[in-house]
Every structure is written in structure tokens, then in C-alpha cells.
Amino acid sequence: MDILLSPDGDTLTYRVIGGSIELYILTGPSPQSVVQQYTELIGRPCMPPFWSLGMGQCRWGYDTLDKVKTVVAEYRKHNLPLESIWIDIE
């Protein structure tokens, strides 16, 4: 497929070889309106769980609570961000 924009920017030409094409033109008039129209077309995004937006630590092999507490203490000691910690399998 070729997409050609004229030098003056007034026309857009699509040349498609075979198949079909679906075009959706979102006219605005503002960028916020285009986003609104686009999300109406594809659906609204879901907000992930709040805890998943931060820095998390997960690892297999923490076999005692004391080891987990040590990891948290080391994060604090080194001023590293840590929103959540969880253990795997055990």
C-alpha cells in the first residue's frame, strides 16, 4: 500500500493492491475530541490495580518471612522505590 500526501498537504492518496481497507476519519475539532472519538471506536481502557502501577518485587526462593523482611529493609536502606512485594510458590 502506498500513502501519498500532496506537497501542499491538501490531499491524501491511498493506493492499495488487493484486499480491503477500512478507514476511520476522526475529525476532532480538537486533539481531545479525537481521543474521545477514538476511544468510543475501540473501547475505553481499564485502569489497572493501583498496586501494579508502582515498583514491585517478586522472586521465587524466599522461604522465610525474615528473608522477605531483609529484602524490604535493603530497599529502604538504599532508598529504592518499592510499592509491593510478593512471594512466589512457597
PDB file of N, CA and C in Angstrom:
ATOM      1  N   MET A   1       0.848  -1.163   0.000  1.00  0.00           N
ATOM      2  CA  MET A   1       0.000   0.000   0.000  1.00  0.00           C
ATOM      3  C   MET A   1       0.897   1.230   0.000  1.00  0.00           C
ATOM      4  N   ASP A   2       0.554   2.175  -0.815  1.00  0.00           N
ATOM      5  CA  ASP A   2       1.230   3.465  -0.842  1.00  0.00           C
ATOM      6  C   ASP A   2       0.288   4.516  -0.282  1.00  0.00           C
ATOM      7  N   ILE A   3       0.822   5.386   0.539  1.00  0.00           N
ATOM      8  CA  ILE A   3       0.062   6.519   1.049  1.00  0.00           C
ATOM      9  C   ILE A   3       0.824   7.767   0.644  1.00  0.00           C
ATOM     10  N   LEU A   4       0.185   8.613  -0.134  1.00  0.00           N
ATOM     11  CA  LEU A   4       0.833   9.807  -0.665  1.00  0.00           C
ATOM     12  C   LEU A   4       0.136  11.060  -0.164  1.00  0.00           C
ATOM     13  N   LEU A   5       0.911  11.964   0.403  1.00  0.00           N
ATOM     14  CA  LEU A   5       0.402  13.258   0.836  1.00  0.00           C
ATOM     15  C   LEU A   5       0.894  14.288  -0.174  1.00  0.00           C
ATOM     16  N   SER A   6      -0.017  15.087  -0.697  1.00  0.00           N
ATOM     17  CA  SER A   6       0.375  16.085  -1.695  1.00  0.00           C
ATOM     18  C   SER A   6       1.301  17.119  -1.054  1.00  0.00           C
ATOM     19  N   PRO A   7       2.157  17.753  -1.861  1.00  0.00           N
ATOM     20  CA  PRO A   7       3.099  18.739  -1.317  1.00  0.00           C
ATOM     21  C   PRO A   7       2.418  19.877  -0.548  1.00  0.00           C
ATOM     22  N   ASP A   8       1.219  20.259  -1.001  1.00  0.00           N
ATOM     23  CA  ASP A   8       0.529  21.343  -0.288  1.00  0.00           C
ATOM     24  C   ASP A   8      -0.217  20.831   0.947  1.00  0.00           C
ATOM     25  N   GLY A   9      -0.265  19.510   1.142  1.00  0.00           N
ATOM     26  CA  GLY A   9      -0.904  18.924   2.308  1.00  0.00           C
ATOM     27  C   GLY A   9      -2.414  18.890   2.256  1.00  0.00           C
ATOM     28  N   ASP A  10      -2.986  19.149   1.067  1.00  0.00           N
ATOM     29  CA  ASP A  10      -4.444  19.193   0.944  1.00  0.00           C
ATOM     30  C   ASP A  10      -5.071  17.847   0.624  1.00  0.00           C
ATOM     31  N   THR A  11      -4.314  16.936   0.018  1.00  0.00           N
ATOM     32  CA  THR A  11      -4.900  15.658  -0.373  1.00  0.00           C
ATOM     33  C   THR A  11      -4.034  14.494   0.111  1.00  0.00           C
ATOM     34  N   LEU A  12      -4.709  13.414   0.379  1.00  0.00           N
ATOM     35  CA  LEU A  12      -4.071  12.178   0.801  1.00  0.00           C
ATOM     36  C   LEU A  12      -4.561  11.084  -0.138  1.00  0.00           C
ATOM     37  N   THR A  13      -3.635  10.374  -0.767  1.00  0.00           N
ATOM     38  CA  THR A  13      -3.998   9.332  -1.724  1.00  0.00           C
ATOM     39  C   THR A  13      -3.533   7.979  -1.203  1.00  0.00           C
ATOM     40  N   TYR A  14      -4.443   7.008  -1.167  1.00  0.00           N
ATOM     41  CA  TYR A  14      -4.134   5.636  -0.798  1.00  0.00           C
ATOM     42  C   TYR A  14      -4.156   4.780  -2.057  1.00  0.00           C
ATOM     43  N   ARG A  15      -3.091   4.039  -2.312  1.00  0.00           N
ATOM     44  CA  ARG A  15      -3.058   3.075  -3.406  1.00  0.00           C
ATOM     45  C   ARG A  15      -2.896   1.694  -2.784  1.00  0.00           C
ATOM     46  N   VAL A  16      -3.940   0.904  -2.889  1.00  0.00           N
ATOM     47  CA  VAL A  16      -3.967  -0.413  -2.267  1.00  0.00           C
ATOM     48  C   VAL A  16      -4.001  -1.472  -3.367  1.00  0.00           C
ATOM     49  N   ILE A  17      -3.142  -2.476  -3.220  1.00  0.00           N
ATOM     50  CA  ILE A  17      -3.109  -3.569  -4.187  1.00  0.00           C
ATOM     51  C   ILE A  17      -3.821  -4.762  -3.553  1.00  0.00           C
ATOM     52  N   GLY A  18      -5.044  -5.013  -3.974  1.00  0.00           N
ATOM     53  CA  GLY A  18      -5.809  -6.142  -3.467  1.00  0.00           C
ATOM     54  C   GLY A  18      -6.304  -5.941  -2.050  1.00  0.00           C
ATOM     55  N   GLY A  19      -7.139  -6.854  -1.605  1.00  0.00           N
ATOM     56  CA  GLY A  19      -7.664  -6.802  -0.251  1.00  0.00           C
ATOM     57  C   GLY A  19      -8.662  -5.680  -0.052  1.00  0.00           C
ATOM     58  N   SER A  20      -8.943  -5.412   1.199  1.00  0.00           N
ATOM     59  CA  SER A  20      -9.877  -4.339   1.509  1.00  0.00           C
ATOM     60  C   SER A  20      -9.247  -3.444   2.584  1.00  0.00           C
ATOM     61  N   ILE A  21      -9.749  -2.251   2.667  1.00  0.00           N
ATOM     62  CA  ILE A  21      -9.233  -1.305   3.649  1.00  0.00           C
ATOM     63  C   ILE A  21     -10.416  -0.634   4.337  1.00  0.00           C
ATOM     64  N   GLU A  22     -10.322  -0.490   5.624  1.00  0.00           N
ATOM     65  CA  GLU A  22     -11.332   0.230   6.387  1.00  0.00           C
ATOM     66  C   GLU A  22     -10.681   1.488   6.938  1.00  0.00           C
ATOM     67  N   LEU A  23     -11.233   2.613   6.606  1.00  0.00           N
ATOM     68  CA  LEU A  23     -10.714   3.885   7.087  1.00  0.00           C
ATOM     69  C   LEU A  23     -11.688   4.497   8.075  1.00  0.00           C
ATOM     70  N   TYR A  24     -11.162   4.999   9.150  1.00  0.00           N
ATOM     71  CA  TYR A  24     -11.944   5.740  10.122  1.00  0.00           C
ATOM     72  C   TYR A  24     -11.316   7.120  10.208  1.00  0.00           C
ATOM     73  N   ILE A  25     -12.077   8.130   9.929  1.00  0.00           N
ATOM     74  CA  ILE A  25     -11.574   9.500   9.959  1.00  0.00           C
ATOM     75  C   ILE A  25     -12.175  10.181  11.177  1.00  0.00           C
ATOM     76  N   LEU A  26     -11.312  10.588  12.072  1.00  0.00           N
ATOM     77  CA  LEU A  26     -11.728  11.256  13.300  1.00  0.00           C
ATOM     78  C   LEU A  26     -11.445  12.742  13.122  1.00  0.00           C
ATOM     79  N   THR A  27     -12.501  13.522  13.070  1.00  0.00           N
ATOM     80  CA  THR A  27     -12.381  14.909  12.627  1.00  0.00           C
ATOM     81  C   THR A  27     -12.154  15.924  13.735  1.00  0.00           C
ATOM     82  N   GLY A  28     -12.206  15.531  14.951  1.00  0.00           N
ATOM     83  CA  GLY A  28     -11.905  16.486  16.015  1.00  0.00           C
ATOM     84  C   GLY A  28     -13.114  17.266  16.468  1.00  0.00           C
ATOM     85  N   PRO A  29     -13.041  18.534  16.639  1.00  0.00           N
ATOM     86  CA  PRO A  29     -12.118  19.526  16.110  1.00  0.00           C
ATOM     87  C   PRO A  29     -10.832  19.731  16.936  1.00  0.00           C
ATOM     88  N   SER A  30     -10.747  19.166  18.119  1.00  0.00           N
ATOM     89  CA  SER A  30      -9.551  19.347  18.945  1.00  0.00           C
ATOM     90  C   SER A  30      -8.889  17.988  19.180  1.00  0.00           C
ATOM     91  N   PRO A  31      -7.634  17.979  19.608  1.00  0.00           N
ATOM     92  CA  PRO A  31      -6.993  16.702  19.930  1.00  0.00           C
ATOM     93  C   PRO A  31      -7.771  15.909  20.994  1.00  0.00           C
ATOM     94  N   GLN A  32      -8.325  16.605  21.969  1.00  0.00           N
ATOM     95  CA  GLN A  32      -9.121  15.922  22.995  1.00  0.00           C
ATOM     96  C   GLN A  32     -10.352  15.260  22.385  1.00  0.00           C
ATOM     97  N   SER A  33     -10.965  15.927  21.410  1.00  0.00           N
ATOM     98  CA  SER A  33     -12.131  15.347  20.725  1.00  0.00           C
ATOM     99  C   SER A  33     -11.731  14.112  19.927  1.00  0.00           C
ATOM    100  N   VAL A  34     -10.557  14.139  19.294  1.00  0.00           N
ATOM    101  CA  VAL A  34     -10.088  12.983  18.530  1.00  0.00           C
ATOM    102  C   VAL A  34      -9.866  11.804  19.460  1.00  0.00           C
ATOM    103  N   VAL A  35      -9.263  12.042  20.609  1.00  0.00           N
ATOM    104  CA  VAL A  35      -9.067  10.962  21.585  1.00  0.00           C
ATOM    105  C   VAL A  35     -10.413  10.425  22.040  1.00  0.00           C
ATOM    106  N   GLN A  36     -11.360  11.291  22.307  1.00  0.00           N
ATOM    107  CA  GLN A  36     -12.706  10.875  22.710  1.00  0.00           C
ATOM    108  C   GLN A  36     -13.343  10.000  21.627  1.00  0.00           C
ATOM    109  N   GLN A  37     -13.259  10.436  20.383  1.00  0.00           N
ATOM    110  CA  GLN A  37     -13.831   9.678  19.273  1.00  0.00           C
ATOM    111  C   GLN A  37     -13.123   8.335  19.100  1.00  0.00           C
ATOM    112  N   TYR A  38     -11.799   8.354  19.238  1.00  0.00           N
ATOM    113  CA  TYR A  38     -11.022   7.120  19.078  1.00  0.00           C
ATOM    114  C   TYR A  38     -11.387   6.099  20.153  1.00  0.00           C
ATOM    115  N   THR A  39     -11.488   6.536  21.407  1.00  0.00           N
ATOM    116  CA  THR A  39     -11.819   5.587  22.470  1.00  0.00           C
ATOM    117  C   THR A  39     -13.282   5.129  22.389  1.00  0.00           C
ATOM    118  N   GLU A  40     -14.146   5.933  21.801  1.00  0.00           N
ATOM    119  CA  GLU A  40     -15.513   5.465  21.541  1.00  0.00           C
ATOM    120  C   GLU A  40     -15.487   4.345  20.508  1.00  0.00           C
ATOM    121  N   LEU A  41     -14.576   4.446  19.549  1.00  0.00           N
ATOM    122  CA  LEU A  41     -14.464   3.459  18.478  1.00  0.00           C
ATOM    123  C   LEU A  41     -13.866   2.144  18.972  1.00  0.00           C
ATOM    124  N   ILE A  42     -12.771   2.207  19.730  1.00  0.00           N
ATOM    125  CA  ILE A  42     -12.061   0.985  20.124  1.00  0.00           C
ATOM    126  C   ILE A  42     -12.405   0.503  21.528  1.00  0.00           C
ATOM    127  N   GLY A  43     -13.064   1.340  22.319  1.00  0.00           N
ATOM    128  CA  GLY A  43     -13.392   0.984  23.699  1.00  0.00           C
ATOM    129  C   GLY A  43     -12.492   1.720  24.674  1.00  0.00           C
ATOM    130  N   ARG A  44     -12.999   1.898  25.848  1.00  0.00           N
ATOM    131  CA  ARG A  44     -12.270   2.630  26.883  1.00  0.00           C
ATOM    132  C   ARG A  44     -11.253   1.719  27.565  1.00  0.00           C
ATOM    133  N   PRO A  45     -10.089   2.262  27.915  1.00  0.00           N
ATOM    134  CA  PRO A  45      -9.095   1.448  28.624  1.00  0.00           C
ATOM    135  C   PRO A  45      -9.536   1.194  30.063  1.00  0.00           C
ATOM    136  N   CYS A  46      -9.062   0.108  30.621  1.00  0.00           N
ATOM    137  CA  CYS A  46      -9.355  -0.227  32.011  1.00  0.00           C
ATOM    138  C   CYS A  46      -8.198   0.237  32.879  1.00  0.00           C
ATOM    139  N   MET A  47      -8.522   0.728  34.054  1.00  0.00           N
ATOM    140  CA  MET A  47      -7.483   1.126  34.998  1.00  0.00           C
ATOM    141  C   MET A  47      -6.938  -0.140  35.657  1.00  0.00           C
ATOM    142  N   PRO A  48      -5.614  -0.332  35.613  1.00  0.00           N
ATOM    143  CA  PRO A  48      -5.040  -1.498  36.283  1.00  0.00           C
ATOM    144  C   PRO A  48      -5.129  -1.339  37.788  1.00  0.00           C
ATOM    145  N   PRO A  49      -4.953  -2.405  38.548  1.00  0.00           N
ATOM    146  CA  PRO A  49      -4.972  -2.279  40.005  1.00  0.00           C
ATOM    147  C   PRO A  49      -3.913  -1.263  40.449  1.00  0.00           C
ATOM    148  N   PHE A  50      -4.250  -0.454  41.439  1.00  0.00           N
ATOM    149  CA  PHE A  50      -3.362   0.620  41.880  1.00  0.00           C
ATOM    150  C   PHE A  50      -1.984   0.096  42.267  1.00  0.00           C
ATOM    151  N   TRP A  51      -1.947  -1.055  42.960  1.00  0.00           N
ATOM    152  CA  TRP A  51      -0.655  -1.563  43.419  1.00  0.00           C
ATOM    153  C   TRP A  51       0.263  -1.931  42.267  1.00  0.00           C
ATOM    154  N   SER A  52      -0.319  -2.246  41.097  1.00  0.00           N
ATOM    155  CA  SER A  52       0.507  -2.663  39.959  1.00  0.00           C
ATOM    156  C   SER A  52       1.176  -1.488  39.250  1.00  0.00           C
ATOM    157  N   LEU A  53       0.808  -0.262  39.591  1.00  0.00           N
ATOM    158  CA  LEU A  53       1.393   0.908  38.942  1.00  0.00           C
ATOM    159  C   LEU A  53       2.750   1.277  39.535  1.00  0.00           C
ATOM    160  N   GLY A  54       3.052   0.754  40.716  1.00  0.00           N
ATOM    161  CA  GLY A  54       4.304   1.108  41.372  1.00  0.00           C
ATOM    162  C   GLY A  54       5.388   0.091  41.122  1.00  0.00           C
ATOM    163  N   MET A  55       6.451   0.237  41.859  1.00  0.00           N
ATOM    164  CA  MET A  55       7.589  -0.669  41.758  1.00  0.00           C
ATOM    165  C   MET A  55       7.329  -1.887  42.631  1.00  0.00           C
ATOM    166  N   GLY A  56       7.435  -3.056  42.061  1.00  0.00           N
ATOM    167  CA  GLY A  56       7.176  -4.291  42.792  1.00  0.00           C
ATOM    168  C   GLY A  56       8.371  -5.219  42.754  1.00  0.00           C
ATOM    169  N   GLN A  57       8.418  -6.106  43.715  1.00  0.00           N
ATOM    170  CA  GLN A  57       9.488  -7.099  43.793  1.00  0.00           C
ATOM    171  C   GLN A  57       8.844  -8.466  43.980  1.00  0.00           C
ATOM    172  N   CYS A  58       9.207  -9.409  43.145  1.00  0.00           N
ATOM    173  CA  CYS A  58       8.726 -10.776  43.269  1.00  0.00           C
ATOM    174  C   CYS A  58       9.874 -11.709  42.919  1.00  0.00           C
ATOM    175  N   ARG A  59       9.985 -12.770  43.688  1.00  0.00           N
ATOM    176  CA  ARG A  59      11.071 -13.706  43.416  1.00  0.00           C
ATOM    177  C   ARG A  59      10.717 -15.063  44.005  1.00  0.00           C
ATOM    178  N   TRP A  60      11.099 -16.094  43.308  1.00  0.00           N
ATOM    179  CA  TRP A  60      10.980 -17.443  43.827  1.00  0.00           C
ATOM    180  C   TRP A  60      12.185 -17.694  44.723  1.00  0.00           C
ATOM    181  N   GLY A  61      11.966 -18.293  45.865  1.00  0.00           N
ATOM    182  CA  GLY A  61      13.083 -18.643  46.725  1.00  0.00           C
ATOM    183  C   GLY A  61      13.062 -17.991  48.090  1.00  0.00           C
ATOM    184  N   TYR A  62      12.132 -17.065  48.350  1.00  0.00           N
ATOM    185  CA  TYR A  62      12.018 -16.532  49.704  1.00  0.00           C
ATOM    186  C   TYR A  62      11.333 -17.600  50.547  1.00  0.00           C
ATOM    187  N   ASP A  63      12.093 -18.315  51.366  1.00  0.00           N
ATOM    188  CA  ASP A  63      11.486 -19.421  52.112  1.00  0.00           C
ATOM    189  C   ASP A  63      11.127 -19.068  53.548  1.00  0.00           C
ATOM    190  N   THR A  64      11.499 -17.853  53.994  1.00  0.00           N
ATOM    191  CA  THR A  64      11.088 -17.427  55.344  1.00  0.00           C
ATOM    192  C   THR A  64      10.646 -15.963  55.285  1.00  0.00           C
ATOM    193  N   LEU A  65       9.834 -15.594  56.253  1.00  0.00           N
ATOM    194  CA  LEU A  65       9.384 -14.212  56.360  1.00  0.00           C
ATOM    195  C   LEU A  65      10.563 -13.290  56.662  1.00  0.00           C
ATOM    196  N   ASP A  66      11.523 -13.775  57.417  1.00  0.00           N
ATOM    197  CA  ASP A  66      12.697 -12.953  57.738  1.00  0.00           C
ATOM    198  C   ASP A  66      13.465 -12.556  56.480  1.00  0.00           C
ATOM    199  N   LYS A  67      13.565 -13.443  55.498  1.00  0.00           N
ATOM    200  CA  LYS A  67      14.251 -13.102  54.247  1.00  0.00           C
ATOM    201  C   LYS A  67      13.498 -12.000  53.502  1.00  0.00           C
ATOM    202  N   VAL A  68      12.187 -12.077  53.509  1.00  0.00           N
ATOM    203  CA  VAL A  68      11.381 -11.035  52.859  1.00  0.00           C
ATOM    204  C   VAL A  68      11.574  -9.708  53.578  1.00  0.00           C
ATOM    205  N   LYS A  69      11.566  -9.727  54.901  1.00  0.00           N
ATOM    206  CA  LYS A  69      11.779  -8.501  55.680  1.00  0.00           C
ATOM    207  C   LYS A  69      13.159  -7.907  55.405  1.00  0.00           C
ATOM    208  N   THR A  70      14.159  -8.763  55.233  1.00  0.00           N
ATOM    209  CA  THR A  70      15.515  -8.295  54.919  1.00  0.00           C
ATOM    210  C   THR A  70      15.541  -7.594  53.566  1.00  0.00           C
ATOM    211  N   VAL A  71      14.842  -8.155  52.579  1.00  0.00           N
ATOM    212  CA  VAL A  71      14.782  -7.535  51.249  1.00  0.00           C
ATOM    213  C   VAL A  71      14.141  -6.148  51.346  1.00  0.00           C
ATOM    214  N   VAL A  72      13.042  -6.046  52.072  1.00  0.00           N
ATOM    215  CA  VAL A  72      12.366  -4.760  52.234  1.00  0.00           C
ATOM    216  C   VAL A  72      13.301  -3.764  52.926  1.00  0.00           C
ATOM    217  N   ALA A  73      13.991  -4.216  53.960  1.00  0.00           N
ATOM    218  CA  ALA A  73      14.922  -3.342  54.683  1.00  0.00           C
ATOM    219  C   ALA A  73      16.043  -2.854  53.769  1.00  0.00           C
ATOM    220  N   GLU A  74      16.533  -3.717  52.882  1.00  0.00           N
ATOM    221  CA  GLU A  74      17.603  -3.321  51.953  1.00  0.00           C
ATOM    222  C   GLU A  74      17.097  -2.289  50.939  1.00  0.00           C
ATOM    223  N   TYR A  75      15.867  -2.458  50.486  1.00  0.00           N
ATOM    224  CA  TYR A  75      15.288  -1.449  49.591  1.00  0.00           C
ATOM    225  C   TYR A  75      15.261  -0.095  50.289  1.00  0.00           C
ATOM    226  N   ARG A  76      14.789  -0.078  51.540  1.00  0.00           N
ATOM    227  CA  ARG A  76      14.734   1.178  52.301  1.00  0.00           C
ATOM    228  C   ARG A  76      16.125   1.744  52.532  1.00  0.00           C
ATOM    229  N   LYS A  77      17.062   0.876  52.895  1.00  0.00           N
ATOM    230  CA  LYS A  77      18.433   1.295  53.181  1.00  0.00           C
ATOM    231  C   LYS A  77      19.063   2.014  51.989  1.00  0.00           C
ATOM    232  N   HIS A  78      18.781   1.513  50.797  1.00  0.00           N
ATOM    233  CA  HIS A  78      19.362   2.079  49.579  1.00  0.00           C
ATOM    234  C   HIS A  78      18.433   3.082  48.890  1.00  0.00           C
ATOM    235  N   ASN A  79      17.349   3.444  49.587  1.00  0.00           N
ATOM    236  CA  ASN A  79      16.391   4.443  49.089  1.00  0.00           C
ATOM    237  C   ASN A  79      15.847   4.081  47.698  1.00  0.00           C
ATOM    238  N   LEU A  80      15.518   2.806  47.519  1.00  0.00           N
ATOM    239  CA  LEU A  80      14.937   2.330  46.266  1.00  0.00           C
ATOM    240  C   LEU A  80      13.417   2.293  46.393  1.00  0.00           C
ATOM    241  N   PRO A  81      12.686   2.653  45.326  1.00  0.00           N
ATOM    242  CA  PRO A  81      11.222   2.619  45.401  1.00  0.00           C
ATOM    243  C   PRO A  81      10.706   1.182  45.478  1.00  0.00           C
ATOM    244  N   LEU A  82       9.737   0.966  46.341  1.00  0.00           N
ATOM    245  CA  LEU A  82       9.119  -0.359  46.482  1.00  0.00           C
ATOM    246  C   LEU A  82       7.687  -0.165  46.950  1.00  0.00           C
ATOM    247  N   GLU A  83       6.749  -0.466  46.072  1.00  0.00           N
ATOM    248  CA  GLU A  83       5.329  -0.323  46.390  1.00  0.00           C
ATOM    249  C   GLU A  83       4.732  -1.625  46.904  1.00  0.00           C
ATOM    250  N   SER A  84       5.225  -2.747  46.404  1.00  0.00           N
ATOM    251  CA  SER A  84       4.673  -4.026  46.833  1.00  0.00           C
ATOM    252  C   SER A  84       5.751  -5.105  46.718  1.00  0.00           C
ATOM    253  N   ILE A  85       5.575  -6.128  47.517  1.00  0.00           N
ATOM    254  CA  ILE A  85       6.451  -7.289  47.440  1.00  0.00           C
ATOM    255  C   ILE A  85       5.555  -8.515  47.622  1.00  0.00           C
ATOM    256  N   TRP A  86       5.803  -9.531  46.817  1.00  0.00           N
ATOM    257  CA  TRP A  86       5.048 -10.768  46.969  1.00  0.00           C
ATOM    258  C   TRP A  86       5.980 -11.934  46.724  1.00  0.00           C
ATOM    259  N   ILE A  87       5.600 -13.047  47.277  1.00  0.00           N
ATOM    260  CA  ILE A  87       6.446 -14.230  47.147  1.00  0.00           C
ATOM    261  C   ILE A  87       5.775 -15.233  46.222  1.00  0.00           C
ATOM    262  N   ASP A  88       6.580 -16.053  45.592  1.00  0.00           N
ATOM    263  CA  ASP A  88       6.089 -16.982  44.578  1.00  0.00           C
ATOM    264  C   ASP A  88       6.244 -18.417  45.081  1.00  0.00           C
ATOM    265  N   ILE A  89       5.273 -19.217  44.840  1.00  0.00           N
ATOM    266  CA  ILE A  89       5.213 -20.659  45.076  1.00  0.00           C
ATOM    267  C   ILE A  89       5.184 -21.024  46.562  1.00  0.00           C
ATOM    268  N   GLU A  90       6.187 -20.621  47.318  1.00  0.00           N
ATOM    269  CA  GLU A  90       6.240 -21.058  48.711  1.00  0.00           C
ATOM    270  C   GLU A  90       5.044 -20.553  49.466  1.00  0.00           C
TER     271      GLU A  90
END
